[in-house]
C-alpha cells in the first residue's frame, strides 16, 4: 500500500530514545525514506524495508531486513507533527524506541 503523500521523501533521524546521536551515524546518517511503494530505514547497523499502511496523516509499518547480517523484523508508526516526523519502532524480540526525524534537504 502506498505511503501517505505527506511522508514521501527522506527523513534524517536525529534522535532515538535507545541510541545516542553518535550511534545514529555509525554506518551513515540514520534515516527513514518513504516512497510510493515502500522505502528504506537505516539506523546503526539495521537496514530494513518498510511495508506501510496509511493511518490518517501518518503510517503504520512493518519491516524486514538486516542487522549486521542477521535477519530482523519489526513494526512501527510515524506521523508528521509540524516540521518533524515522530515515530516509534519495536524490533521483534528486541529493543523498542521512539524517534524524531527532520525532512532531508535537497
N, C-alpha and C. Protein backbone atom coordinates (compact mmCIF):
# COMPACT_ATOMS: atom_id res chain seq x y z
N UNK A 1 0.85 -1.18 0.00
CA UNK A 1 0.00 0.00 0.00
C UNK A 1 0.90 1.25 0.00
N UNK A 2 0.54 2.28 -0.72
CA UNK A 2 1.35 3.48 -0.81
C UNK A 2 1.47 4.23 0.51
N UNK A 3 2.59 4.94 0.66
CA UNK A 3 2.79 5.81 1.81
C UNK A 3 1.94 7.06 1.65
N UNK A 4 1.51 7.69 2.75
CA UNK A 4 0.78 8.96 2.63
C UNK A 4 1.68 10.01 1.97
N UNK A 5 1.15 10.86 1.10
CA UNK A 5 1.96 11.87 0.42
C UNK A 5 2.78 12.75 1.37
N UNK A 6 2.26 13.06 2.55
CA UNK A 6 2.99 13.92 3.49
C UNK A 6 4.26 13.26 4.01
N UNK A 7 4.37 11.95 3.91
CA UNK A 7 5.55 11.24 4.41
C UNK A 7 6.60 10.99 3.33
N UNK A 8 6.21 11.03 2.06
CA UNK A 8 7.12 10.65 0.99
C UNK A 8 8.35 11.53 0.98
N UNK A 9 9.51 10.87 0.91
CA UNK A 9 10.80 11.54 0.91
C UNK A 9 11.70 10.97 1.99
N UNK A 10 12.89 11.51 2.07
CA UNK A 10 13.87 11.07 3.06
C UNK A 10 13.79 11.95 4.30
N UNK A 11 13.79 11.29 5.45
CA UNK A 11 13.79 11.96 6.76
C UNK A 11 15.02 11.51 7.52
N UNK A 12 15.88 12.45 7.93
CA UNK A 12 17.07 12.12 8.71
C UNK A 12 16.71 12.02 10.18
N UNK A 13 17.01 10.88 10.77
CA UNK A 13 16.70 10.64 12.18
C UNK A 13 17.76 11.30 13.04
N UNK A 14 17.34 12.25 13.86
CA UNK A 14 18.27 12.99 14.71
C UNK A 14 18.31 12.49 16.14
N UNK A 15 17.26 11.80 16.56
CA UNK A 15 17.22 11.32 17.94
C UNK A 15 16.38 10.06 18.04
N UNK A 16 16.89 9.14 18.87
CA UNK A 16 16.15 7.93 19.21
C UNK A 16 16.28 7.76 20.72
N UNK A 17 15.27 7.22 21.35
CA UNK A 17 15.29 7.06 22.79
C UNK A 17 16.38 6.09 23.26
N UNK A 18 16.64 5.04 22.50
CA UNK A 18 17.54 3.98 22.96
C UNK A 18 18.99 4.21 22.57
N UNK A 19 19.24 4.85 21.41
CA UNK A 19 20.60 5.01 20.92
C UNK A 19 20.99 6.49 20.88
N UNK A 20 22.27 6.78 21.17
CA UNK A 20 22.74 8.17 21.18
C UNK A 20 23.05 8.65 19.77
N UNK A 21 23.30 9.96 19.65
CA UNK A 21 23.48 10.57 18.33
C UNK A 21 24.70 10.02 17.59
N UNK A 22 25.77 9.65 18.30
CA UNK A 22 26.94 9.07 17.64
C UNK A 22 26.61 7.72 17.02
N UNK A 23 25.83 6.91 17.72
CA UNK A 23 25.44 5.60 17.19
C UNK A 23 24.58 5.76 15.93
N UNK A 24 23.81 6.84 15.87
CA UNK A 24 22.93 7.06 14.72
C UNK A 24 23.70 7.40 13.44
N UNK A 25 25.01 7.65 13.58
CA UNK A 25 25.86 7.95 12.42
C UNK A 25 26.89 6.85 12.19
N UNK A 26 26.70 5.69 12.81
CA UNK A 26 27.70 4.62 12.77
C UNK A 26 28.03 4.18 11.34
N UNK A 27 27.04 3.87 10.53
CA UNK A 27 27.26 3.44 9.15
C UNK A 27 27.10 4.64 8.21
N UNK A 28 26.02 5.33 8.36
CA UNK A 28 25.73 6.60 7.68
C UNK A 28 24.64 7.27 8.49
N UNK A 29 24.26 8.48 8.13
CA UNK A 29 23.21 9.18 8.88
C UNK A 29 21.95 8.32 8.93
N UNK A 30 21.46 8.05 10.14
CA UNK A 30 20.22 7.28 10.29
C UNK A 30 19.10 8.02 9.56
N UNK A 31 18.26 7.25 8.88
CA UNK A 31 17.17 7.87 8.13
C UNK A 31 16.04 6.88 7.90
N UNK A 32 14.91 7.44 7.56
CA UNK A 32 13.79 6.65 7.06
C UNK A 32 13.31 7.34 5.80
N UNK A 33 13.15 6.57 4.75
CA UNK A 33 12.72 7.10 3.47
C UNK A 33 11.43 6.40 3.07
N UNK A 34 10.42 7.19 2.77
CA UNK A 34 9.15 6.65 2.30
C UNK A 34 9.04 6.94 0.81
N UNK A 35 8.67 5.93 0.03
CA UNK A 35 8.40 6.10 -1.39
C UNK A 35 6.95 5.69 -1.63
N UNK A 36 6.50 5.83 -2.84
CA UNK A 36 5.12 5.44 -3.15
C UNK A 36 4.84 3.96 -2.86
N UNK A 37 5.88 3.15 -3.00
CA UNK A 37 5.66 1.70 -2.84
C UNK A 37 6.57 1.04 -1.80
N UNK A 38 7.01 1.79 -0.80
CA UNK A 38 7.85 1.19 0.24
C UNK A 38 8.81 2.20 0.81
N UNK A 39 10.10 1.90 0.71
CA UNK A 39 11.10 2.80 1.22
C UNK A 39 12.25 2.06 1.86
N UNK A 40 12.91 2.73 2.81
CA UNK A 40 14.07 2.18 3.49
C UNK A 40 14.20 2.84 4.85
N UNK A 41 14.68 2.09 5.82
CA UNK A 41 15.04 2.66 7.12
C UNK A 41 16.40 2.12 7.49
N UNK A 42 17.31 3.01 7.86
CA UNK A 42 18.64 2.62 8.26
C UNK A 42 18.99 3.34 9.55
N UNK A 43 19.38 2.58 10.56
CA UNK A 43 19.91 3.17 11.78
C UNK A 43 20.87 2.17 12.40
N UNK A 44 21.97 2.67 12.95
CA UNK A 44 23.05 1.85 13.48
C UNK A 44 23.47 0.87 12.38
N UNK A 45 23.31 -0.44 12.57
CA UNK A 45 23.62 -1.43 11.53
C UNK A 45 22.35 -2.11 11.03
N UNK A 46 21.21 -1.52 11.31
CA UNK A 46 19.93 -2.07 10.89
C UNK A 46 19.53 -1.40 9.57
N UNK A 47 19.26 -2.22 8.55
CA UNK A 47 18.84 -1.72 7.26
C UNK A 47 17.62 -2.53 6.84
N UNK A 48 16.46 -1.87 6.78
CA UNK A 48 15.20 -2.58 6.56
C UNK A 48 14.34 -1.87 5.51
N UNK A 49 13.37 -2.61 4.99
CA UNK A 49 12.43 -2.08 4.02
C UNK A 49 11.04 -2.09 4.63
N UNK A 50 10.45 -0.90 4.87
CA UNK A 50 9.12 -0.87 5.48
C UNK A 50 7.99 -1.19 4.51
N UNK A 51 6.96 -1.83 5.03
CA UNK A 51 5.72 -2.09 4.32
C UNK A 51 4.67 -1.23 5.02
N UNK A 52 4.24 -0.16 4.37
CA UNK A 52 3.41 0.87 5.02
C UNK A 52 1.92 0.66 4.83
N UNK A 53 1.17 1.10 5.81
CA UNK A 53 -0.28 1.18 5.77
C UNK A 53 -0.66 2.56 6.25
N UNK A 54 -1.37 3.31 5.42
CA UNK A 54 -1.78 4.66 5.78
C UNK A 54 -2.71 4.64 6.98
N UNK A 55 -2.46 5.56 7.88
CA UNK A 55 -3.32 5.73 9.05
C UNK A 55 -3.43 7.23 9.31
N UNK A 56 -4.55 7.81 8.85
CA UNK A 56 -4.72 9.25 8.99
C UNK A 56 -3.64 9.98 8.23
N UNK A 57 -2.94 10.91 8.90
CA UNK A 57 -1.85 11.67 8.28
C UNK A 57 -0.51 10.98 8.44
N UNK A 58 -0.52 9.79 8.99
CA UNK A 58 0.72 9.06 9.21
C UNK A 58 0.65 7.68 8.61
N UNK A 59 1.50 6.81 9.11
CA UNK A 59 1.55 5.45 8.61
C UNK A 59 1.96 4.49 9.71
N UNK A 60 1.43 3.30 9.62
CA UNK A 60 1.91 2.19 10.42
C UNK A 60 2.69 1.31 9.46
N UNK A 61 3.73 0.66 9.95
CA UNK A 61 4.52 -0.17 9.05
C UNK A 61 5.11 -1.36 9.78
N UNK A 62 5.39 -2.38 9.01
CA UNK A 62 6.20 -3.50 9.45
C UNK A 62 7.42 -3.48 8.54
N UNK A 63 8.47 -4.12 8.98
CA UNK A 63 9.61 -4.21 8.09
C UNK A 63 10.46 -5.43 8.39
N UNK A 64 11.18 -5.82 7.36
CA UNK A 64 12.15 -6.90 7.44
C UNK A 64 13.45 -6.38 6.87
N UNK A 65 14.53 -6.94 7.36
CA UNK A 65 15.81 -6.52 6.83
C UNK A 65 16.96 -7.18 7.53
N UNK A 66 18.02 -6.42 7.70
CA UNK A 66 19.31 -6.94 8.13
C UNK A 66 19.85 -6.14 9.31
N UNK A 67 20.39 -6.82 10.29
CA UNK A 67 21.09 -6.19 11.43
C UNK A 67 22.42 -6.91 11.57
N UNK A 68 23.48 -6.34 10.98
CA UNK A 68 24.81 -6.94 10.96
C UNK A 68 24.79 -8.37 10.44
N UNK A 69 24.03 -8.60 9.39
CA UNK A 69 23.97 -9.91 8.77
C UNK A 69 22.88 -10.82 9.31
N UNK A 70 22.25 -10.45 10.41
CA UNK A 70 21.16 -11.23 10.98
C UNK A 70 19.83 -10.69 10.48
N UNK A 71 18.88 -11.58 10.18
CA UNK A 71 17.54 -11.14 9.79
C UNK A 71 16.88 -10.45 10.97
N UNK A 72 16.16 -9.39 10.68
CA UNK A 72 15.45 -8.65 11.71
C UNK A 72 14.09 -8.24 11.14
N UNK A 73 13.10 -8.23 12.02
CA UNK A 73 11.79 -7.73 11.62
C UNK A 73 11.28 -6.84 12.75
N UNK A 74 10.35 -5.97 12.40
CA UNK A 74 9.85 -5.02 13.38
C UNK A 74 8.54 -4.41 12.91
N UNK A 75 7.99 -3.60 13.76
CA UNK A 75 6.80 -2.83 13.43
C UNK A 75 7.00 -1.42 13.98
N UNK A 76 6.20 -0.50 13.47
CA UNK A 76 6.33 0.87 13.94
C UNK A 76 5.26 1.76 13.37
N UNK A 77 5.38 3.02 13.69
CA UNK A 77 4.48 4.03 13.14
C UNK A 77 5.21 5.35 13.05
N UNK A 78 4.72 6.23 12.20
CA UNK A 78 5.31 7.56 12.02
C UNK A 78 4.21 8.53 11.63
N UNK A 79 4.39 9.77 12.06
CA UNK A 79 3.41 10.82 11.77
C UNK A 79 4.13 12.16 11.71
N UNK A 80 3.73 12.99 10.76
CA UNK A 80 4.29 14.33 10.66
C UNK A 80 3.61 15.21 11.70
N UNK A 81 4.44 15.86 12.53
CA UNK A 81 3.96 16.80 13.55
C UNK A 81 4.74 18.09 13.33
N UNK A 82 4.04 19.11 12.83
CA UNK A 82 4.66 20.38 12.41
C UNK A 82 5.70 20.08 11.35
N UNK A 83 6.99 20.34 11.62
CA UNK A 83 8.03 20.11 10.62
C UNK A 83 8.86 18.86 10.91
N UNK A 84 8.39 18.02 11.81
CA UNK A 84 9.13 16.82 12.21
C UNK A 84 8.33 15.55 11.94
N UNK A 85 9.06 14.48 11.80
CA UNK A 85 8.47 13.15 11.73
C UNK A 85 8.71 12.50 13.08
N UNK A 86 7.64 12.14 13.75
CA UNK A 86 7.77 11.47 15.04
C UNK A 86 7.26 10.06 14.90
N UNK A 87 7.98 9.12 15.49
CA UNK A 87 7.57 7.74 15.34
C UNK A 87 8.12 6.85 16.42
N UNK A 88 7.86 5.57 16.21
CA UNK A 88 8.24 4.55 17.17
C UNK A 88 8.48 3.26 16.41
N UNK A 89 9.50 2.50 16.82
CA UNK A 89 9.75 1.19 16.24
C UNK A 89 9.93 0.17 17.36
N UNK A 90 9.58 -1.05 17.07
CA UNK A 90 9.74 -2.15 18.01
C UNK A 90 10.32 -3.33 17.23
N UNK A 91 11.60 -3.63 17.50
CA UNK A 91 12.24 -4.76 16.85
C UNK A 91 11.72 -6.05 17.47
N UNK A 92 11.36 -7.02 16.62
CA UNK A 92 10.82 -8.29 17.11
C UNK A 92 11.84 -8.95 18.04
N UNK A 93 11.43 -9.23 19.27
CA UNK A 93 12.26 -9.81 20.31
C UNK A 93 13.52 -8.98 20.56
N UNK A 94 13.34 -7.65 20.51
CA UNK A 94 14.50 -6.77 20.71
C UNK A 94 14.07 -5.43 21.28
N UNK A 95 14.88 -4.42 21.02
CA UNK A 95 14.65 -3.08 21.54
C UNK A 95 13.44 -2.42 20.90
N UNK A 96 12.92 -1.42 21.60
CA UNK A 96 11.91 -0.53 21.03
C UNK A 96 12.33 0.88 21.35
N UNK A 97 11.99 1.80 20.46
CA UNK A 97 12.44 3.17 20.64
C UNK A 97 11.57 4.15 19.87
N UNK A 98 11.37 5.30 20.46
CA UNK A 98 10.79 6.41 19.74
C UNK A 98 11.88 7.07 18.92
N UNK A 99 11.48 7.83 17.91
CA UNK A 99 12.45 8.57 17.12
C UNK A 99 11.85 9.87 16.62
N UNK A 100 12.74 10.81 16.33
CA UNK A 100 12.36 12.10 15.77
C UNK A 100 13.26 12.34 14.57
N UNK A 101 12.66 12.75 13.45
CA UNK A 101 13.41 12.99 12.24
C UNK A 101 12.98 14.30 11.59
N UNK A 102 13.87 14.86 10.78
CA UNK A 102 13.56 16.05 10.00
C UNK A 102 13.75 15.72 8.52
N UNK A 103 12.90 16.34 7.71
CA UNK A 103 13.00 16.11 6.26
C UNK A 103 14.39 16.51 5.78
N UNK A 104 15.00 15.64 4.99
CA UNK A 104 16.33 15.92 4.43
C UNK A 104 16.20 17.03 3.40
N UNK A 105 17.19 17.90 3.38
CA UNK A 105 17.18 18.98 2.39
C UNK A 105 17.75 18.47 1.07
N UNK A 106 17.32 19.11 0.00
CA UNK A 106 17.86 18.77 -1.32
C UNK A 106 17.16 17.73 -1.95
